[in-house]
Amino acid sequence: MKQQPEIPVPDTISQKHRVKPDHIVHGGDIESAHRQYGTPIDKWIDLSTGISPLPYPDTKIATDVLTRLPYQRDSFRSAVRAYYGDYDFLATNGSQQGIAALPHCLKTLPIVLPDVGYQSHAAAWMQQGAESIHYPSQHVDAATRVIEKLIASGRAFHLLVINPNNPTCCRFSPTTLQRWSRRLVDGAILIVDEAFADLYPGQSVLAEGFAANMLVFRSFGKFFGLPGLRLGFVFAASSLLAAMRASIGVWDVNGAAQEIAIRAFRDRDWQTKTRQRLHHLAVENQKMWQCLFDSLRRQGYPVSEAHQLLFSSYTLDENPAKRLFDVLAQNAVLVRIIYLEPGRAIIRIGRIDTQRGQQVARINRIIRQSIDTMQLS
């Protein structure tokens, strides 16, 4: 029997998880922040998520939506296909549900995944017991070199790409993803997490080049600003969707989520205007925080930054990152801290609607105070 070649793992890429296990948490946990810092829940400004600050406004629902069991409606399925494309799909209770179910529904193979990224993926594969190989995910060129080398090894593995990456913002073109999918061995799947792709619809593999050995996750809550509805989608081959559907069970999407999503998916005018507004908000938010990180650079701290429409990520040494997170939290501004190795961390800052004048003025005041505090620390 011919022995499978070993996957060549570069010395710079560790096979262990780069993010500390005790920090596999999610943004938006105001309850925990309240317990830790004592600030009343309604006083917090939550910038710890990558959720749009411009939620879809038409959220009314009829009473019978809540009094009927939530079987999927034909109008819901039609709206989904009109928005994403005419593909087979599985609707889920948030993309998180699909992420957790997937490893148990695929052929048992190693998983190649980003060293920094949405950590529920890594947790799901770890729970399944899969061998994990990590590629660097803070720079496209470095990631591409490692992935290309792994594919060239000829060994079978599933490949996960978070596109764009949360939190590093690293993004690959649909053409690159198509090329990789063609080169994977039989039985291997290219998994593409497009949770933030609604902001860049032309860059989705659903818009161009969706292949039979691809699986795509999409999230409703990010762009439409309604994470509490818990609505996600999986696009894949029919046989894989059937296995995931059997794993998840019946009534996977509640009636309220279906009702609101139908209107949101059909409202193309709102979608276009919201993308335009988010472009402006991203620029304004970046300018607002720039003076703080420029101040850290002047103090000798190396800071790198990456941006996408719904958040900015600043990579710096762990100690000043922890100090900055704490200073902001003491002033009731919650951001996200993601620990890297060795001794580095990412501060990820979500967007605020700059039309909320009082909150913007408060953040600007806190930024000035934070600059003074960080200089004294």
Protein backbone atom coordinates (compact mmCIF):
# COMPACT_ATOMS: atom_id res chain seq x y z
CA MET A 1 0.00 0.00 0.00
CA LYS A 2 1.31 3.42 -0.94
CA GLN A 3 1.97 5.53 2.16
CA GLN A 4 0.38 8.98 2.25
CA PRO A 5 2.98 11.76 2.21
CA GLU A 6 3.31 13.79 5.35
CA ILE A 7 2.02 17.34 5.26
CA PRO A 8 5.05 19.66 5.25
CA VAL A 9 4.44 22.09 8.07
CA PRO A 10 6.77 25.13 8.07
CA ASP A 11 8.77 25.71 11.23
CA THR A 12 6.99 29.02 11.78
CA ILE A 13 3.57 27.38 12.00
CA SER A 14 2.68 25.64 15.21
CA GLN A 15 0.26 22.72 15.20
CA LYS A 16 -1.22 23.88 18.46
CA HIS A 17 -3.85 26.55 18.68
CA ARG A 18 -2.45 30.05 18.67
CA VAL A 19 -5.29 31.52 20.72
CA LYS A 20 -5.30 30.62 24.40
CA PRO A 21 -8.11 28.13 25.16
CA ASP A 22 -9.34 30.14 28.15
CA HIS A 23 -9.94 33.09 25.84
CA ILE A 24 -12.19 31.31 23.32
CA VAL A 25 -15.04 33.71 23.99
CA HIS A 26 -17.35 35.84 21.90
CA GLY A 27 -17.99 39.55 21.72
CA GLY A 28 -21.12 41.28 22.97
CA ASP A 29 -21.09 39.78 26.46
CA ILE A 30 -22.24 42.88 28.32
CA GLU A 31 -23.52 40.74 31.20
CA SER A 32 -20.01 39.50 32.00
CA ALA A 33 -18.57 43.00 31.59
CA HIS A 34 -21.19 44.31 34.00
CA ARG A 35 -20.29 41.66 36.57
CA GLN A 36 -16.57 42.34 36.26
CA TYR A 37 -16.57 46.16 36.18
CA GLY A 38 -19.83 47.00 37.96
CA THR A 39 -21.14 49.42 35.33
CA PRO A 40 -24.90 49.10 34.74
CA ILE A 41 -25.73 47.24 31.55
CA ASP A 42 -27.52 50.18 29.93
CA LYS A 43 -24.45 52.42 30.35
CA TRP A 44 -22.10 50.34 28.19
CA ILE A 45 -21.09 51.18 24.63
CA ASP A 46 -20.56 47.78 23.06
CA LEU A 47 -17.90 47.80 20.34
CA SER A 48 -16.83 44.21 20.97
CA THR A 49 -18.72 42.61 18.07
CA GLY A 50 -18.54 42.75 14.30
CA ILE A 51 -22.26 43.45 14.06
CA SER A 52 -23.53 46.29 11.88
CA PRO A 53 -24.65 49.32 13.92
CA LEU A 54 -27.35 49.91 11.27
CA PRO A 55 -29.91 47.15 11.89
CA TYR A 56 -32.64 46.34 9.41
CA PRO A 57 -35.56 48.45 10.68
CA ASP A 58 -38.67 46.49 9.65
CA THR A 59 -38.81 43.91 12.44
CA LYS A 60 -42.54 43.71 13.09
CA ILE A 61 -44.04 40.22 13.11
CA ALA A 62 -47.59 38.94 13.07
CA THR A 63 -48.88 37.10 16.14
CA ASP A 64 -49.52 33.89 14.20
CA VAL A 65 -45.79 33.67 13.45
CA LEU A 66 -45.30 32.97 17.15
CA THR A 67 -48.29 30.66 17.58
CA ARG A 68 -47.37 28.26 14.73
CA LEU A 69 -44.58 25.72 14.68
CA PRO A 70 -41.76 27.15 12.54
CA TYR A 71 -41.78 24.93 9.48
CA GLN A 72 -39.85 26.55 6.66
CA ARG A 73 -42.06 28.60 4.39
CA ASP A 74 -41.84 28.52 0.60
CA SER A 75 -41.56 32.32 0.60
CA PHE A 76 -38.55 32.06 2.93
CA ARG A 77 -36.77 29.56 0.69
CA SER A 78 -37.48 31.73 -2.36
CA ALA A 79 -36.14 34.85 -0.64
CA VAL A 80 -32.96 33.03 0.40
CA ARG A 81 -32.28 31.84 -3.15
CA ALA A 82 -33.02 35.25 -4.62
CA TYR A 83 -30.46 36.82 -2.27
CA TYR A 84 -27.64 34.23 -2.22
CA GLY A 85 -28.16 32.37 -5.50
CA ASP A 86 -30.07 29.32 -6.67
CA TYR A 87 -28.24 26.72 -4.58
CA ASP A 88 -29.25 23.97 -2.20
CA PHE A 89 -28.97 25.28 1.34
CA LEU A 90 -29.54 24.52 4.99
CA ALA A 91 -30.89 27.27 7.25
CA THR A 92 -29.56 27.11 10.80
CA ASN A 93 -30.05 28.70 14.19
CA GLY A 94 -27.11 31.02 13.50
CA SER A 95 -24.00 29.96 11.59
CA GLN A 96 -22.61 28.73 14.93
CA GLN A 97 -24.99 25.75 14.80
CA GLY A 98 -23.68 24.68 11.42
CA ILE A 99 -20.05 25.17 12.46
CA ALA A 100 -20.56 22.85 15.44
CA ALA A 101 -22.32 20.17 13.38
CA LEU A 102 -20.02 20.08 10.34
CA PRO A 103 -16.99 18.06 11.58
CA HIS A 104 -19.24 15.13 12.50
CA CYS A 105 -20.77 15.07 9.00
CA LEU A 106 -17.58 15.00 6.92
CA LYS A 107 -15.12 12.28 6.03
CA THR A 108 -12.52 11.99 8.80
CA LEU A 109 -9.47 13.90 7.57
CA PRO A 110 -7.04 16.43 9.04
CA ILE A 111 -8.24 20.03 9.00
CA VAL A 112 -6.06 22.90 7.76
CA LEU A 113 -7.27 26.14 9.32
CA PRO A 114 -6.07 29.66 10.20
CA ASP A 115 -3.89 30.17 13.25
CA VAL A 116 -5.95 33.25 14.12
CA GLY A 117 -9.65 33.35 13.31
CA TYR A 118 -13.14 32.70 14.60
CA GLN A 119 -12.26 30.12 17.23
CA SER A 120 -15.51 28.15 17.21
CA HIS A 121 -14.18 26.42 14.09
CA ALA A 122 -11.07 25.21 15.89
CA ALA A 123 -13.12 24.19 18.93
CA ALA A 124 -15.53 22.12 16.82
CA TRP A 125 -12.74 20.26 15.05
CA MET A 126 -10.86 19.74 18.31
CA GLN A 127 -13.97 18.22 19.86
CA GLN A 128 -14.27 15.86 16.90
CA GLY A 129 -10.66 14.79 17.44
CA ALA A 130 -9.34 15.86 14.05
CA GLU A 131 -5.65 16.48 13.44
CA SER A 132 -5.25 20.25 13.04
CA ILE A 133 -2.67 22.09 10.94
CA HIS A 134 -2.56 25.89 11.11
CA TYR A 135 -1.53 28.41 8.49
CA PRO A 136 -0.63 32.07 9.20
CA SER A 137 -3.68 34.25 8.73
CA GLN A 138 -2.53 37.81 9.30
CA HIS A 139 -1.06 38.29 5.81
CA VAL A 140 -2.48 36.98 2.52
CA ASP A 141 0.91 36.26 0.94
CA ALA A 142 2.18 34.22 3.90
CA ALA A 143 -1.10 32.30 4.13
CA THR A 144 -1.09 31.59 0.39
CA ARG A 145 2.46 30.23 0.44
CA VAL A 146 1.69 27.80 3.26
CA ILE A 147 -1.65 26.64 1.84
CA GLU A 148 -0.12 26.11 -1.61
CA LYS A 149 2.66 24.03 -0.07
CA LEU A 150 0.19 21.93 1.90
CA ILE A 151 -1.93 21.28 -1.19
CA ALA A 152 1.17 20.35 -3.20
CA SER A 153 1.97 17.64 -0.64
CA GLY A 154 -0.78 15.49 -2.13
CA ARG A 155 -2.19 14.42 1.22
CA ALA A 156 -5.93 14.55 1.87
CA PHE A 157 -7.25 17.21 4.24
CA HIS A 158 -10.16 19.58 4.59
CA LEU A 159 -9.27 23.27 4.21
CA LEU A 160 -10.99 26.07 6.14
CA VAL A 161 -10.79 29.68 4.96
CA ILE A 162 -12.52 32.50 6.84
CA ASN A 163 -13.12 35.07 4.12
CA PRO A 164 -12.67 37.80 5.15
CA ASN A 165 -10.95 36.64 8.30
CA ASN A 166 -12.30 37.70 11.66
CA PRO A 167 -10.28 39.31 13.24
CA THR A 168 -7.26 39.65 10.91
CA CYS A 169 -9.23 40.94 7.84
CA CYS A 170 -7.14 38.68 5.57
CA ARG A 171 -9.14 37.98 2.39
CA PHE A 172 -8.68 35.73 -0.66
CA SER A 173 -10.18 36.21 -4.11
CA PRO A 174 -12.84 33.81 -5.44
CA THR A 175 -10.35 32.85 -8.16
CA THR A 176 -7.82 31.71 -5.55
CA LEU A 177 -10.45 29.68 -3.70
CA GLN A 178 -11.59 28.06 -6.95
CA ARG A 179 -8.01 27.06 -7.73
CA TRP A 180 -7.55 25.49 -4.31
CA SER A 181 -10.83 23.59 -4.52
CA ARG A 182 -9.79 22.06 -7.85
CA ARG A 183 -6.48 20.88 -6.37
CA LEU A 184 -7.86 19.21 -3.24
CA VAL A 185 -7.91 15.42 -3.37
CA ASP A 186 -11.17 13.51 -3.75
CA GLY A 187 -13.25 13.53 -0.58
CA ALA A 188 -11.70 16.75 0.76
CA ILE A 189 -13.83 19.85 1.24
CA LEU A 190 -12.96 23.54 1.00
CA ILE A 191 -14.91 25.23 3.81
CA VAL A 192 -15.40 28.97 3.32
CA ASP A 193 -16.79 31.01 6.22
CA GLU A 194 -18.31 34.10 4.60
CA ALA A 195 -19.91 35.58 7.71
CA PHE A 196 -18.89 39.08 6.60
CA ALA A 197 -19.26 38.61 2.84
CA ASP A 198 -22.55 40.54 2.61
CA LEU A 199 -20.41 43.67 2.75
CA TYR A 200 -18.51 42.51 -0.36
CA PRO A 201 -21.08 40.49 -2.37
CA GLY A 202 -18.97 40.38 -5.52
CA GLN A 203 -16.16 38.66 -3.58
CA SER A 204 -18.30 35.70 -2.51
CA VAL A 205 -17.74 32.30 -4.08
CA LEU A 206 -21.54 32.12 -4.27
CA ALA A 207 -21.37 34.96 -6.78
CA GLU A 208 -18.56 33.37 -8.75
CA GLY A 209 -17.12 29.88 -8.82
CA PHE A 210 -19.05 27.82 -6.26
CA ALA A 211 -17.80 24.24 -6.67
CA ALA A 212 -19.18 20.84 -5.69
CA ASN A 213 -16.44 20.29 -3.09
CA MET A 214 -17.05 23.63 -1.37
CA LEU A 215 -19.12 24.37 1.71
CA VAL A 216 -20.02 27.99 2.47
CA PHE A 217 -21.25 29.44 5.76
CA ARG A 218 -23.22 32.69 5.66
CA SER A 219 -24.50 34.78 8.57
CA PHE A 220 -27.65 36.91 8.53
CA GLY A 221 -26.95 38.81 11.74
CA LYS A 222 -23.71 40.59 10.79
CA PHE A 223 -24.79 42.76 7.86
CA PHE A 224 -28.48 43.02 8.75
CA GLY A 225 -27.55 43.92 12.34
CA LEU A 226 -29.93 41.44 13.98
CA PRO A 227 -27.82 38.74 15.68
CA GLY A 228 -30.55 37.99 18.19
CA LEU A 229 -32.66 36.39 15.44
CA ARG A 230 -30.05 33.57 15.22
CA LEU A 231 -30.10 32.88 11.48
CA GLY A 232 -27.34 31.37 9.37
CA PHE A 233 -27.01 29.37 6.17
CA VAL A 234 -24.93 26.51 4.82
CA PHE A 235 -24.43 25.99 1.08
CA ALA A 236 -22.98 22.66 -0.01
CA ALA A 237 -23.64 19.46 -1.93
CA SER A 238 -27.09 17.98 -1.27
CA SER A 239 -25.70 14.84 0.40
CA LEU A 240 -23.65 16.87 2.90
CA LEU A 241 -26.59 19.17 3.64
CA ALA A 242 -28.75 16.11 4.28
CA ALA A 243 -26.24 14.78 6.81
CA MET A 244 -26.08 18.14 8.58
CA ARG A 245 -29.87 18.45 8.56
CA ALA A 246 -30.18 15.03 10.19
CA SER A 247 -27.64 16.07 12.82
CA ILE A 248 -29.35 19.37 13.63
CA GLY A 249 -32.96 18.18 13.62
CA VAL A 250 -36.31 19.75 12.86
CA TRP A 251 -37.41 23.40 13.33
CA ASP A 252 -33.93 24.78 12.86
CA VAL A 253 -35.08 28.37 12.23
CA ASN A 254 -37.73 30.15 14.29
CA GLY A 255 -40.72 31.82 12.67
CA ALA A 256 -39.75 35.38 13.58
CA ALA A 257 -36.36 34.97 11.89
CA GLN A 258 -38.02 33.69 8.73
CA GLU A 259 -40.58 36.51 8.67
CA ILE A 260 -38.03 39.30 9.07
CA ALA A 261 -35.45 37.71 6.76
CA ILE A 262 -37.97 37.50 3.91
CA ARG A 263 -38.43 41.28 3.99
CA ALA A 264 -34.74 42.02 4.55
CA PHE A 265 -33.57 39.80 1.67
CA ARG A 266 -36.07 41.41 -0.70
CA ASP A 267 -35.24 44.99 0.32
CA ARG A 268 -32.48 45.70 -2.22
CA ASP A 269 -32.77 49.47 -1.79
CA TRP A 270 -32.03 49.23 1.94
CA GLN A 271 -29.11 46.87 1.27
CA THR A 272 -27.49 49.25 -1.23
CA LYS A 273 -27.91 52.32 0.96
CA THR A 274 -26.66 50.49 4.05
CA ARG A 275 -23.48 49.30 2.32
CA GLN A 276 -22.81 52.89 1.28
CA ARG A 277 -23.39 54.16 4.82
CA LEU A 278 -21.15 51.47 6.29
CA HIS A 279 -18.33 52.55 3.98
CA HIS A 280 -18.60 56.08 5.36
CA LEU A 281 -18.90 54.86 8.95
CA ALA A 282 -15.79 52.72 8.61
CA VAL A 283 -13.72 55.71 7.51
CA GLU A 284 -15.11 57.94 10.28
CA ASN A 285 -14.58 55.28 12.96
CA GLN A 286 -11.00 54.64 11.88
CA LYS A 287 -10.21 58.36 12.07
CA MET A 288 -11.76 58.54 15.53
CA TRP A 289 -9.44 55.85 16.97
CA GLN A 290 -6.31 56.72 14.99
CA CYS A 291 -4.94 59.24 17.49
CA LEU A 292 -4.97 56.63 20.27
CA PHE A 293 -2.90 54.09 18.36
CA ASP A 294 -0.61 56.77 16.94
CA SER A 295 0.05 57.77 20.56
CA LEU A 296 1.03 54.18 21.40
CA ARG A 297 3.41 54.14 18.44
CA ARG A 298 5.04 57.35 19.65
CA GLN A 299 5.61 55.64 23.00
CA GLY A 300 7.56 52.93 21.21
CA TYR A 301 4.89 50.23 21.02
CA PRO A 302 4.76 48.49 17.63
CA VAL A 303 1.18 48.55 16.33
CA SER A 304 -0.09 47.04 13.08
CA GLU A 305 -3.65 47.51 11.90
CA ALA A 306 -6.16 45.96 9.53
CA HIS A 307 -9.63 47.14 8.66
CA GLN A 308 -12.86 45.94 7.15
CA LEU A 309 -16.25 47.60 7.09
CA LEU A 310 -17.55 46.29 10.41
CA PHE A 311 -14.42 46.38 12.57
CA SER A 312 -10.78 47.39 12.86
CA SER A 313 -8.08 45.18 14.37
CA TYR A 314 -4.93 46.54 16.01
CA THR A 315 -2.12 44.10 16.84
CA LEU A 316 0.25 45.14 19.62
CA ASP A 317 2.18 43.76 22.57
CA GLU A 318 0.04 41.89 25.08
CA ASN A 319 0.69 44.12 28.10
CA PRO A 320 -0.36 47.45 26.52
CA ALA A 321 -3.28 45.65 24.85
CA LYS A 322 -4.52 44.37 28.22
CA ARG A 323 -4.02 47.80 29.75
CA LEU A 324 -5.94 49.51 26.94
CA PHE A 325 -8.78 47.00 27.13
CA ASP A 326 -9.05 47.60 30.88
CA VAL A 327 -8.91 51.40 30.59
CA LEU A 328 -11.72 51.39 28.03
CA ALA A 329 -13.79 48.92 30.06
CA GLN A 330 -13.41 51.04 33.19
CA ASN A 331 -15.04 53.79 31.13
CA ALA A 332 -17.84 51.45 29.98
CA VAL A 333 -16.55 50.95 26.42
CA LEU A 334 -16.30 47.25 25.62
CA VAL A 335 -13.92 46.16 22.86
CA ARG A 336 -12.57 42.72 22.05
CA ILE A 337 -9.13 41.45 23.05
CA ILE A 338 -7.77 38.36 21.30
CA TYR A 339 -4.58 36.86 22.68
CA LEU A 340 -1.88 35.65 20.32
CA GLU A 341 1.45 33.97 20.93
CA PRO A 342 4.08 34.94 21.82
CA GLY A 343 3.17 38.01 23.86
CA ARG A 344 0.99 39.74 21.28
CA ALA A 345 -2.71 40.53 21.20
CA ILE A 346 -5.33 42.01 18.91
CA ILE A 347 -7.66 44.79 20.01
CA ARG A 348 -10.69 44.54 17.74
CA ILE A 349 -13.03 47.52 17.69
CA GLY A 350 -16.48 47.40 16.14
CA ARG A 351 -18.35 50.29 14.56
CA ILE A 352 -20.56 52.92 16.09
CA ASP A 353 -23.16 54.88 14.15
CA THR A 354 -21.60 58.35 14.03
CA GLN A 355 -25.07 59.89 13.96
CA ARG A 356 -25.36 58.97 17.65
CA GLY A 357 -23.85 62.27 18.71
CA GLN A 358 -23.79 61.76 22.48
CA GLN A 359 -22.11 58.35 22.24
CA VAL A 360 -19.55 59.65 19.74
CA ALA A 361 -18.72 62.61 21.98
CA ARG A 362 -18.36 60.23 24.92
CA ILE A 363 -16.02 57.93 22.99
CA ASN A 364 -13.88 60.86 21.85
CA ARG A 365 -13.59 62.00 25.46
CA ILE A 366 -12.65 58.50 26.61
CA ILE A 367 -10.06 58.21 23.84
CA ARG A 368 -8.40 61.42 25.04
CA GLN A 369 -8.46 60.13 28.63
CA SER A 370 -7.05 56.78 27.50
CA ILE A 371 -4.14 58.49 25.76
CA ASP A 372 -3.28 60.30 28.99
CA THR A 373 -3.68 57.13 31.08
CA MET A 374 -1.58 54.98 28.76
CA GLN A 375 1.20 57.57 28.77
CA LEU A 376 1.34 57.43 32.56
CA SER A 377 1.28 53.64 32.79
